Amino acid sequence: MPTRLEITCIVKTDRYNPHERIQSVGGSGFRYSQSDAIARIENGTNTFWTRGGGKTADVIVASHNGRKYLKTTNDGVQPDNLLALASCA
C-alpha cells in the first residue's frame, strides 16, 4: 500500500518551459527531486496530492514531448497547480 503524501511546496528551476520548471517537491518531513517523486509514483511507493483554492487534487505523472513531469489531475497540459505552490524553505 503506497504512502500518501501532501505536496505543500516546490523548488523551481530557472527554465521557462512549464514542463521543466519543477526541480523538487516537498511537504511535512520530505523533499524529493521531481525524478525521485516520479519514480515513487511509478513503483507504487507513494501517491501525492496537493490543495489549492479550497480543493484537493491528486498528483500524477504525465509526459510531454517524451519528457515525464508531475501535474495534478485538475490541470490541463501544464502543471499550473503545482507551480502555484509556495517555494520550499
PDB file of N, CA and C in Angstrom:
ATOM      1  N   MET A   1       0.843  -1.175   0.000  1.00  0.00           N
ATOM      2  CA  MET A   1       0.000   0.000   0.000  1.00  0.00           C
ATOM      3  C   MET A   1       0.896   1.249   0.000  1.00  0.00           C
ATOM      4  N   PRO A   2       0.753   2.116  -1.005  1.00  0.00           N
ATOM      5  CA  PRO A   2       1.593   3.312  -1.065  1.00  0.00           C
ATOM      6  C   PRO A   2       1.269   4.301   0.062  1.00  0.00           C
ATOM      7  N   THR A   3       2.281   5.015   0.508  1.00  0.00           N
ATOM      8  CA  THR A   3       2.101   6.074   1.486  1.00  0.00           C
ATOM      9  C   THR A   3       1.660   7.335   0.749  1.00  0.00           C
ATOM     10  N   ARG A   4       0.577   7.942   1.224  1.00  0.00           N
ATOM     11  CA  ARG A   4       0.024   9.142   0.577  1.00  0.00           C
ATOM     12  C   ARG A   4       0.601  10.381   1.248  1.00  0.00           C
ATOM     13  N   LEU A   5       1.219  11.264   0.468  1.00  0.00           N
ATOM     14  CA  LEU A   5       1.872  12.457   0.995  1.00  0.00           C
ATOM     15  C   LEU A   5       1.317  13.713   0.344  1.00  0.00           C
ATOM     16  N   GLU A   6       1.161  14.769   1.150  1.00  0.00           N
ATOM     17  CA  GLU A   6       0.698  16.051   0.615  1.00  0.00           C
ATOM     18  C   GLU A   6       1.888  16.905   0.206  1.00  0.00           C
ATOM     19  N   ILE A   7       1.891  17.357  -1.035  1.00  0.00           N
ATOM     20  CA  ILE A   7       2.900  18.297  -1.516  1.00  0.00           C
ATOM     21  C   ILE A   7       2.420  19.695  -1.170  1.00  0.00           C
ATOM     22  N   THR A   8       3.235  20.422  -0.393  1.00  0.00           N
ATOM     23  CA  THR A   8       2.863  21.767   0.034  1.00  0.00           C
ATOM     24  C   THR A   8       3.789  22.838  -0.521  1.00  0.00           C
ATOM     25  N   CYS A   9       4.919  22.422  -1.114  1.00  0.00           N
ATOM     26  CA  CYS A   9       5.861  23.396  -1.651  1.00  0.00           C
ATOM     27  C   CYS A   9       6.657  22.773  -2.789  1.00  0.00           C
ATOM     28  N   ILE A  10       7.275  23.632  -3.595  1.00  0.00           N
ATOM     29  CA  ILE A  10       8.128  23.165  -4.688  1.00  0.00           C
ATOM     30  C   ILE A  10       9.390  24.009  -4.751  1.00  0.00           C
ATOM     31  N   VAL A  11      10.387  23.491  -5.451  1.00  0.00           N
ATOM     32  CA  VAL A  11      11.578  24.258  -5.802  1.00  0.00           C
ATOM     33  C   VAL A  11      11.582  24.330  -7.319  1.00  0.00           C
ATOM     34  N   LYS A  12      11.652  25.557  -7.849  1.00  0.00           N
ATOM     35  CA  LYS A  12      11.604  25.758  -9.288  1.00  0.00           C
ATOM     36  C   LYS A  12      13.010  25.889  -9.870  1.00  0.00           C
ATOM     37  N   THR A  13      13.135  25.501 -11.131  1.00  0.00           N
ATOM     38  CA  THR A  13      14.361  25.746 -11.877  1.00  0.00           C
ATOM     39  C   THR A  13      14.244  27.132 -12.510  1.00  0.00           C
ATOM     40  N   ASP A  14      15.274  27.550 -13.228  1.00  0.00           N
ATOM     41  CA  ASP A  14      15.225  28.840 -13.912  1.00  0.00           C
ATOM     42  C   ASP A  14      14.727  28.711 -15.352  1.00  0.00           C
ATOM     43  N   ARG A  15      14.203  27.556 -15.715  1.00  0.00           N
ATOM     44  CA  ARG A  15      13.706  27.335 -17.076  1.00  0.00           C
ATOM     45  C   ARG A  15      12.313  27.918 -17.230  1.00  0.00           C
ATOM     46  N   TYR A  16      11.994  28.336 -18.444  1.00  0.00           N
ATOM     47  CA  TYR A  16      10.693  28.939 -18.716  1.00  0.00           C
ATOM     48  C   TYR A  16       9.644  27.919 -19.119  1.00  0.00           C
ATOM     49  N   ASN A  17      10.058  26.787 -19.663  1.00  0.00           N
ATOM     50  CA  ASN A  17       9.127  25.741 -20.079  1.00  0.00           C
ATOM     51  C   ASN A  17       8.447  25.175 -18.828  1.00  0.00           C
ATOM     52  N   PRO A  18       7.114  25.253 -18.731  1.00  0.00           N
ATOM     53  CA  PRO A  18       6.436  24.780 -17.519  1.00  0.00           C
ATOM     54  C   PRO A  18       6.648  23.297 -17.237  1.00  0.00           C
ATOM     55  N   HIS A  19       6.987  22.511 -18.248  1.00  0.00           N
ATOM     56  CA  HIS A  19       7.225  21.085 -18.050  1.00  0.00           C
ATOM     57  C   HIS A  19       8.605  20.812 -17.473  1.00  0.00           C
ATOM     58  N   GLU A  20       9.443  21.834 -17.402  1.00  0.00           N
ATOM     59  CA  GLU A  20      10.799  21.701 -16.863  1.00  0.00           C
ATOM     60  C   GLU A  20      11.021  22.611 -15.666  1.00  0.00           C
ATOM     61  N   ARG A  21       9.985  23.246 -15.144  1.00  0.00           N
ATOM     62  CA  ARG A  21      10.148  24.237 -14.078  1.00  0.00           C
ATOM     63  C   ARG A  21      10.300  23.636 -12.687  1.00  0.00           C
ATOM     64  N   ILE A  22       9.766  22.456 -12.441  1.00  0.00           N
ATOM     65  CA  ILE A  22       9.802  21.890 -11.093  1.00  0.00           C
ATOM     66  C   ILE A  22      11.073  21.072 -10.914  1.00  0.00           C
ATOM     67  N   GLN A  23      11.877  21.478  -9.952  1.00  0.00           N
ATOM     68  CA  GLN A  23      13.098  20.742  -9.623  1.00  0.00           C
ATOM     69  C   GLN A  23      12.814  19.701  -8.551  1.00  0.00           C
ATOM     70  N   SER A  24      12.063  20.110  -7.510  1.00  0.00           N
ATOM     71  CA  SER A  24      11.726  19.171  -6.448  1.00  0.00           C
ATOM     72  C   SER A  24      10.403  19.577  -5.804  1.00  0.00           C
ATOM     73  N   VAL A  25       9.814  18.622  -5.087  1.00  0.00           N
ATOM     74  CA  VAL A  25       8.559  18.835  -4.371  1.00  0.00           C
ATOM     75  C   VAL A  25       8.772  18.459  -2.916  1.00  0.00           C
ATOM     76  N   GLY A  26       8.016  19.100  -2.036  1.00  0.00           N
ATOM     77  CA  GLY A  26       8.194  18.804  -0.621  1.00  0.00           C
ATOM     78  C   GLY A  26       6.913  18.943   0.165  1.00  0.00           C
ATOM     79  N   GLY A  27       6.997  18.510   1.399  1.00  0.00           N
ATOM     80  CA  GLY A  27       5.878  18.587   2.322  1.00  0.00           C
ATOM     81  C   GLY A  27       6.392  18.341   3.721  1.00  0.00           C
ATOM     82  N   SER A  28       5.520  17.971   4.611  1.00  0.00           N
ATOM     83  CA  SER A  28       5.890  17.741   6.002  1.00  0.00           C
ATOM     84  C   SER A  28       6.829  16.535   6.121  1.00  0.00           C
ATOM     85  N   GLY A  29       8.100  16.824   6.333  1.00  0.00           N
ATOM     86  CA  GLY A  29       9.079  15.762   6.562  1.00  0.00           C
ATOM     87  C   GLY A  29       9.672  15.116   5.325  1.00  0.00           C
ATOM     88  N   PHE A  30       9.418  15.658   4.138  1.00  0.00           N
ATOM     89  CA  PHE A  30      10.019  15.072   2.938  1.00  0.00           C
ATOM     90  C   PHE A  30      10.309  16.135   1.894  1.00  0.00           C
ATOM     91  N   ARG A  31      11.276  15.856   1.059  1.00  0.00           N
ATOM     92  CA  ARG A  31      11.538  16.616  -0.160  1.00  0.00           C
ATOM     93  C   ARG A  31      12.173  15.653  -1.149  1.00  0.00           C
ATOM     94  N   TYR A  32      11.565  15.553  -2.331  1.00  0.00           N
ATOM     95  CA  TYR A  32      12.060  14.666  -3.380  1.00  0.00           C
ATOM     96  C   TYR A  32      12.279  15.453  -4.657  1.00  0.00           C
ATOM     97  N   SER A  33      13.339  15.110  -5.379  1.00  0.00           N
ATOM     98  CA  SER A  33      13.502  15.682  -6.702  1.00  0.00           C
ATOM     99  C   SER A  33      12.313  15.227  -7.544  1.00  0.00           C
ATOM    100  N   GLN A  34      12.042  15.954  -8.615  1.00  0.00           N
ATOM    101  CA  GLN A  34      10.927  15.564  -9.468  1.00  0.00           C
ATOM    102  C   GLN A  34      11.119  14.140  -9.982  1.00  0.00           C
ATOM    103  N   SER A  35      12.341  13.788 -10.385  1.00  0.00           N
ATOM    104  CA  SER A  35      12.573  12.430 -10.905  1.00  0.00           C
ATOM    105  C   SER A  35      12.364  11.374  -9.827  1.00  0.00           C
ATOM    106  N   ASP A  36      12.747  11.673  -8.579  1.00  0.00           N
ATOM    107  CA  ASP A  36      12.501  10.728  -7.483  1.00  0.00           C
ATOM    108  C   ASP A  36      11.005  10.581  -7.207  1.00  0.00           C
ATOM    109  N   ALA A  37      10.272  11.697  -7.226  1.00  0.00           N
ATOM    110  CA  ALA A  37       8.823  11.641  -6.991  1.00  0.00           C
ATOM    111  C   ALA A  37       8.139  10.843  -8.101  1.00  0.00           C
ATOM    112  N   ILE A  38       8.568  11.039  -9.338  1.00  0.00           N
ATOM    113  CA  ILE A  38       8.014  10.278 -10.457  1.00  0.00           C
ATOM    114  C   ILE A  38       8.273   8.788 -10.252  1.00  0.00           C
ATOM    115  N   ALA A  39       9.497   8.435  -9.881  1.00  0.00           N
ATOM    116  CA  ALA A  39       9.843   7.027  -9.645  1.00  0.00           C
ATOM    117  C   ALA A  39       9.007   6.442  -8.509  1.00  0.00           C
ATOM    118  N   ARG A  40       8.769   7.215  -7.434  1.00  0.00           N
ATOM    119  CA  ARG A  40       7.980   6.739  -6.292  1.00  0.00           C
ATOM    120  C   ARG A  40       6.526   6.489  -6.691  1.00  0.00           C
ATOM    121  N   ILE A  41       5.985   7.325  -7.566  1.00  0.00           N
ATOM    122  CA  ILE A  41       4.624   7.105  -8.062  1.00  0.00           C
ATOM    123  C   ILE A  41       4.599   5.855  -8.931  1.00  0.00           C
ATOM    124  N   GLU A  42       5.540   5.764  -9.855  1.00  0.00           N
ATOM    125  CA  GLU A  42       5.542   4.659 -10.807  1.00  0.00           C
ATOM    126  C   GLU A  42       5.818   3.305 -10.165  1.00  0.00           C
ATOM    127  N   ASN A  43       6.635   3.278  -9.094  1.00  0.00           N
ATOM    128  CA  ASN A  43       6.904   1.982  -8.460  1.00  0.00           C
ATOM    129  C   ASN A  43       5.967   1.670  -7.296  1.00  0.00           C
ATOM    130  N   GLY A  44       5.005   2.569  -7.032  1.00  0.00           N
ATOM    131  CA  GLY A  44       3.994   2.294  -6.017  1.00  0.00           C
ATOM    132  C   GLY A  44       4.403   2.583  -4.590  1.00  0.00           C
ATOM    133  N   THR A  45       5.535   3.274  -4.374  1.00  0.00           N
ATOM    134  CA  THR A  45       5.971   3.617  -3.026  1.00  0.00           C
ATOM    135  C   THR A  45       5.090   4.704  -2.419  1.00  0.00           C
ATOM    136  N   ASN A  46       4.774   5.726  -3.227  1.00  0.00           N
ATOM    137  CA  ASN A  46       3.977   6.857  -2.744  1.00  0.00           C
ATOM    138  C   ASN A  46       2.923   7.264  -3.752  1.00  0.00           C
ATOM    139  N   THR A  47       1.886   7.925  -3.238  1.00  0.00           N
ATOM    140  CA  THR A  47       0.993   8.738  -4.039  1.00  0.00           C
ATOM    141  C   THR A  47       1.083  10.126  -3.432  1.00  0.00           C
ATOM    142  N   PHE A  48       0.839  11.138  -4.232  1.00  0.00           N
ATOM    143  CA  PHE A  48       0.942  12.518  -3.771  1.00  0.00           C
ATOM    144  C   PHE A  48      -0.345  13.259  -4.080  1.00  0.00           C
ATOM    145  N   TRP A  49      -0.614  14.296  -3.309  1.00  0.00           N
ATOM    146  CA  TRP A  49      -1.758  15.159  -3.528  1.00  0.00           C
ATOM    147  C   TRP A  49      -1.398  16.556  -3.081  1.00  0.00           C
ATOM    148  N   THR A  50      -2.200  17.519  -3.475  1.00  0.00           N
ATOM    149  CA  THR A  50      -1.994  18.895  -3.061  1.00  0.00           C
ATOM    150  C   THR A  50      -3.350  19.579  -2.961  1.00  0.00           C
ATOM    151  N   ARG A  51      -3.357  20.755  -2.379  1.00  0.00           N
ATOM    152  CA  ARG A  51      -4.602  21.505  -2.275  1.00  0.00           C
ATOM    153  C   ARG A  51      -4.358  22.940  -2.724  1.00  0.00           C
ATOM    154  N   GLY A  52      -5.403  23.532  -3.243  1.00  0.00           N
ATOM    155  CA  GLY A  52      -5.341  24.921  -3.682  1.00  0.00           C
ATOM    156  C   GLY A  52      -6.739  25.417  -3.960  1.00  0.00           C
ATOM    157  N   GLY A  53      -7.016  26.622  -3.574  1.00  0.00           N
ATOM    158  CA  GLY A  53      -8.335  27.187  -3.799  1.00  0.00           C
ATOM    159  C   GLY A  53      -9.442  26.412  -3.119  1.00  0.00           C
ATOM    160  N   GLY A  54      -9.115  25.776  -1.993  1.00  0.00           N
ATOM    161  CA  GLY A  54     -10.113  25.022  -1.258  1.00  0.00           C
ATOM    162  C   GLY A  54     -10.397  23.635  -1.804  1.00  0.00           C
ATOM    163  N   LYS A  55      -9.682  23.234  -2.847  1.00  0.00           N
ATOM    164  CA  LYS A  55      -9.888  21.917  -3.446  1.00  0.00           C
ATOM    165  C   LYS A  55      -8.621  21.091  -3.335  1.00  0.00           C
ATOM    166  N   THR A  56      -8.777  19.771  -3.334  1.00  0.00           N
ATOM    167  CA  THR A  56      -7.620  18.880  -3.356  1.00  0.00           C
ATOM    168  C   THR A  56      -7.525  18.238  -4.737  1.00  0.00           C
ATOM    169  N   ALA A  57      -6.304  17.840  -5.077  1.00  0.00           N
ATOM    170  CA  ALA A  57      -6.083  17.198  -6.370  1.00  0.00           C
ATOM    171  C   ALA A  57      -4.949  16.195  -6.240  1.00  0.00           C
ATOM    172  N   ASP A  58      -5.111  15.051  -6.863  1.00  0.00           N
ATOM    173  CA  ASP A  58      -4.047  14.056  -6.900  1.00  0.00           C
ATOM    174  C   ASP A  58      -2.957  14.513  -7.861  1.00  0.00           C
ATOM    175  N   VAL A  59      -1.726  14.159  -7.533  1.00  0.00           N
ATOM    176  CA  VAL A  59      -0.587  14.455  -8.396  1.00  0.00           C
ATOM    177  C   VAL A  59      -0.278  13.194  -9.198  1.00  0.00           C
ATOM    178  N   ILE A  60      -0.120  13.364 -10.501  1.00  0.00           N
ATOM    179  CA  ILE A  60       0.124  12.241 -11.394  1.00  0.00           C
ATOM    180  C   ILE A  60       1.356  12.502 -12.241  1.00  0.00           C
ATOM    181  N   VAL A  61       1.811  11.457 -12.914  1.00  0.00           N
ATOM    182  CA  VAL A  61       2.919  11.569 -13.867  1.00  0.00           C
ATOM    183  C   VAL A  61       2.313  11.752 -15.249  1.00  0.00           C
ATOM    184  N   ALA A  62       2.782  12.747 -15.958  1.00  0.00           N
ATOM    185  CA  ALA A  62       2.358  12.998 -17.335  1.00  0.00           C
ATOM    186  C   ALA A  62       3.612  13.054 -18.207  1.00  0.00           C
ATOM    187  N   SER A  63       3.405  13.073 -19.497  1.00  0.00           N
ATOM    188  CA  SER A  63       4.515  13.139 -20.437  1.00  0.00           C
ATOM    189  C   SER A  63       4.213  14.171 -21.509  1.00  0.00           C
ATOM    190  N   HIS A  64       5.217  14.962 -21.843  1.00  0.00           N
ATOM    191  CA  HIS A  64       5.089  15.967 -22.895  1.00  0.00           C
ATOM    192  C   HIS A  64       6.360  15.934 -23.732  1.00  0.00           C
ATOM    193  N   ASN A  65       6.206  15.678 -25.011  1.00  0.00           N
ATOM    194  CA  ASN A  65       7.364  15.559 -25.914  1.00  0.00           C
ATOM    195  C   ASN A  65       8.394  14.558 -25.395  1.00  0.00           C
ATOM    196  N   GLY A  66       7.905  13.450 -24.841  1.00  0.00           N
ATOM    197  CA  GLY A  66       8.784  12.388 -24.366  1.00  0.00           C
ATOM    198  C   GLY A  66       9.418  12.621 -23.008  1.00  0.00           C
ATOM    199  N   ARG A  67       9.092  13.728 -22.333  1.00  0.00           N
ATOM    200  CA  ARG A  67       9.670  14.027 -21.024  1.00  0.00           C
ATOM    201  C   ARG A  67       8.592  13.901 -19.956  1.00  0.00           C
ATOM    202  N   LYS A  68       8.876  13.123 -18.914  1.00  0.00           N
ATOM    203  CA  LYS A  68       7.920  12.945 -17.819  1.00  0.00           C
ATOM    204  C   LYS A  68       7.999  14.132 -16.873  1.00  0.00           C
ATOM    205  N   TYR A  69       6.841  14.489 -16.321  1.00  0.00           N
ATOM    206  CA  TYR A  69       6.769  15.569 -15.346  1.00  0.00           C
ATOM    207  C   TYR A  69       5.571  15.320 -14.431  1.00  0.00           C
ATOM    208  N   LEU A  70       5.504  16.090 -13.347  1.00  0.00           N
ATOM    209  CA  LEU A  70       4.398  15.983 -12.391  1.00  0.00           C
ATOM    210  C   LEU A  70       3.353  17.044 -12.668  1.00  0.00           C
ATOM    211  N   LYS A  71       2.087  16.683 -12.519  1.00  0.00           N
ATOM    212  CA  LYS A  71       0.995  17.630 -12.606  1.00  0.00           C
ATOM    213  C   LYS A  71      -0.159  17.086 -11.780  1.00  0.00           C
ATOM    214  N   THR A  72      -1.166  17.917 -11.553  1.00  0.00           N
ATOM    215  CA  THR A  72      -2.344  17.437 -10.828  1.00  0.00           C
ATOM    216  C   THR A  72      -3.399  16.981 -11.823  1.00  0.00           C
ATOM    217  N   THR A  73      -4.314  16.173 -11.338  1.00  0.00           N
ATOM    218  CA  THR A  73      -5.395  15.686 -12.188  1.00  0.00           C
ATOM    219  C   THR A  73      -6.287  16.829 -12.658  1.00  0.00           C
ATOM    220  N   ASN A  74      -6.292  17.961 -11.938  1.00  0.00           N
ATOM    221  CA  ASN A  74      -7.129  19.103 -12.303  1.00  0.00           C
ATOM    222  C   ASN A  74      -6.531  19.967 -13.404  1.00  0.00           C
ATOM    223  N   ASP A  75      -5.237  19.795 -13.685  1.00  0.00           N
ATOM    224  CA  ASP A  75      -4.561  20.611 -14.685  1.00  0.00           C
ATOM    225  C   ASP A  75      -4.784  20.084 -16.083  1.00  0.00           C
ATOM    226  N   GLY A  76      -4.624  20.982 -17.054  1.00  0.00           N
ATOM    227  CA  GLY A  76      -4.601  20.572 -18.451  1.00  0.00           C
ATOM    228  C   GLY A  76      -3.208  20.049 -18.771  1.00  0.00           C
ATOM    229  N   VAL A  77      -2.606  20.583 -19.806  1.00  0.00           N
ATOM    230  CA  VAL A  77      -1.271  20.133 -20.204  1.00  0.00           C
ATOM    231  C   VAL A  77      -0.201  20.657 -19.255  1.00  0.00           C
ATOM    232  N   GLN A  78      -0.347  21.877 -18.763  1.00  0.00           N
ATOM    233  CA  GLN A  78       0.694  22.473 -17.930  1.00  0.00           C
ATOM    234  C   GLN A  78       0.456  22.203 -16.443  1.00  0.00           C
ATOM    235  N   PRO A  79       1.545  22.080 -15.670  1.00  0.00           N
ATOM    236  CA  PRO A  79       1.440  21.792 -14.227  1.00  0.00           C
ATOM    237  C   PRO A  79       1.163  23.044 -13.390  1.00  0.00           C
ATOM    238  N   ASP A  80       0.087  23.779 -13.697  1.00  0.00           N
ATOM    239  CA  ASP A  80      -0.196  25.046 -13.063  1.00  0.00           C
ATOM    240  C   ASP A  80      -0.417  24.963 -11.562  1.00  0.00           C
ATOM    241  N   ASN A  81      -1.168  23.962 -11.087  1.00  0.00           N
ATOM    242  CA  ASN A  81      -1.449  23.865  -9.647  1.00  0.00           C
ATOM    243  C   ASN A  81      -0.162  23.710  -8.846  1.00  0.00           C
ATOM    244  N   LEU A  82       0.730  22.877  -9.293  1.00  0.00           N
ATOM    245  CA  LEU A  82       1.991  22.694  -8.572  1.00  0.00           C
ATOM    246  C   LEU A  82       2.857  23.940  -8.664  1.00  0.00           C
ATOM    247  N   LEU A  83       2.893  24.578  -9.840  1.00  0.00           N
ATOM    248  CA  LEU A  83       3.710  25.782  -9.998  1.00  0.00           C
ATOM    249  C   LEU A  83       3.210  26.931  -9.136  1.00  0.00           C
ATOM    250  N   ALA A  84       1.956  26.896  -8.711  1.00  0.00           N
ATOM    251  CA  ALA A  84       1.390  27.951  -7.870  1.00  0.00           C
ATOM    252  C   ALA A  84       1.724  27.769  -6.388  1.00  0.00           C
ATOM    253  N   LEU A  85       2.293  26.629  -6.006  1.00  0.00           N
ATOM    254  CA  LEU A  85       2.628  26.398  -4.598  1.00  0.00           C
ATOM    255  C   LEU A  85       3.795  27.278  -4.152  1.00  0.00           C
ATOM    256  N   ALA A  86       3.884  27.482  -2.856  1.00  0.00           N
ATOM    257  CA  ALA A  86       4.981  28.259  -2.276  1.00  0.00           C
ATOM    258  C   ALA A  86       6.310  27.527  -2.486  1.00  0.00           C
ATOM    259  N   SER A  87       7.366  28.304  -2.412  1.00  0.00           N
ATOM    260  CA  SER A  87       8.708  27.738  -2.538  1.00  0.00           C
ATOM    261  C   SER A  87       9.104  27.042  -1.227  1.00  0.00           C
ATOM    262  N   CYS A  88       9.730  25.892  -1.336  1.00  0.00           N
ATOM    263  CA  CYS A  88      10.212  25.183  -0.148  1.00  0.00           C
ATOM    264  C   CYS A  88      11.351  25.992   0.482  1.00  0.00           C
ATOM    265  N   ALA A  89      11.350  26.071   1.786  1.00  0.00           N
ATOM    266  CA  ALA A  89      12.394  26.843   2.504  1.00  0.00           C
ATOM    267  C   ALA A  89      13.710  26.128   2.465  1.00  0.00           C
TER     268      ALA A  89
END
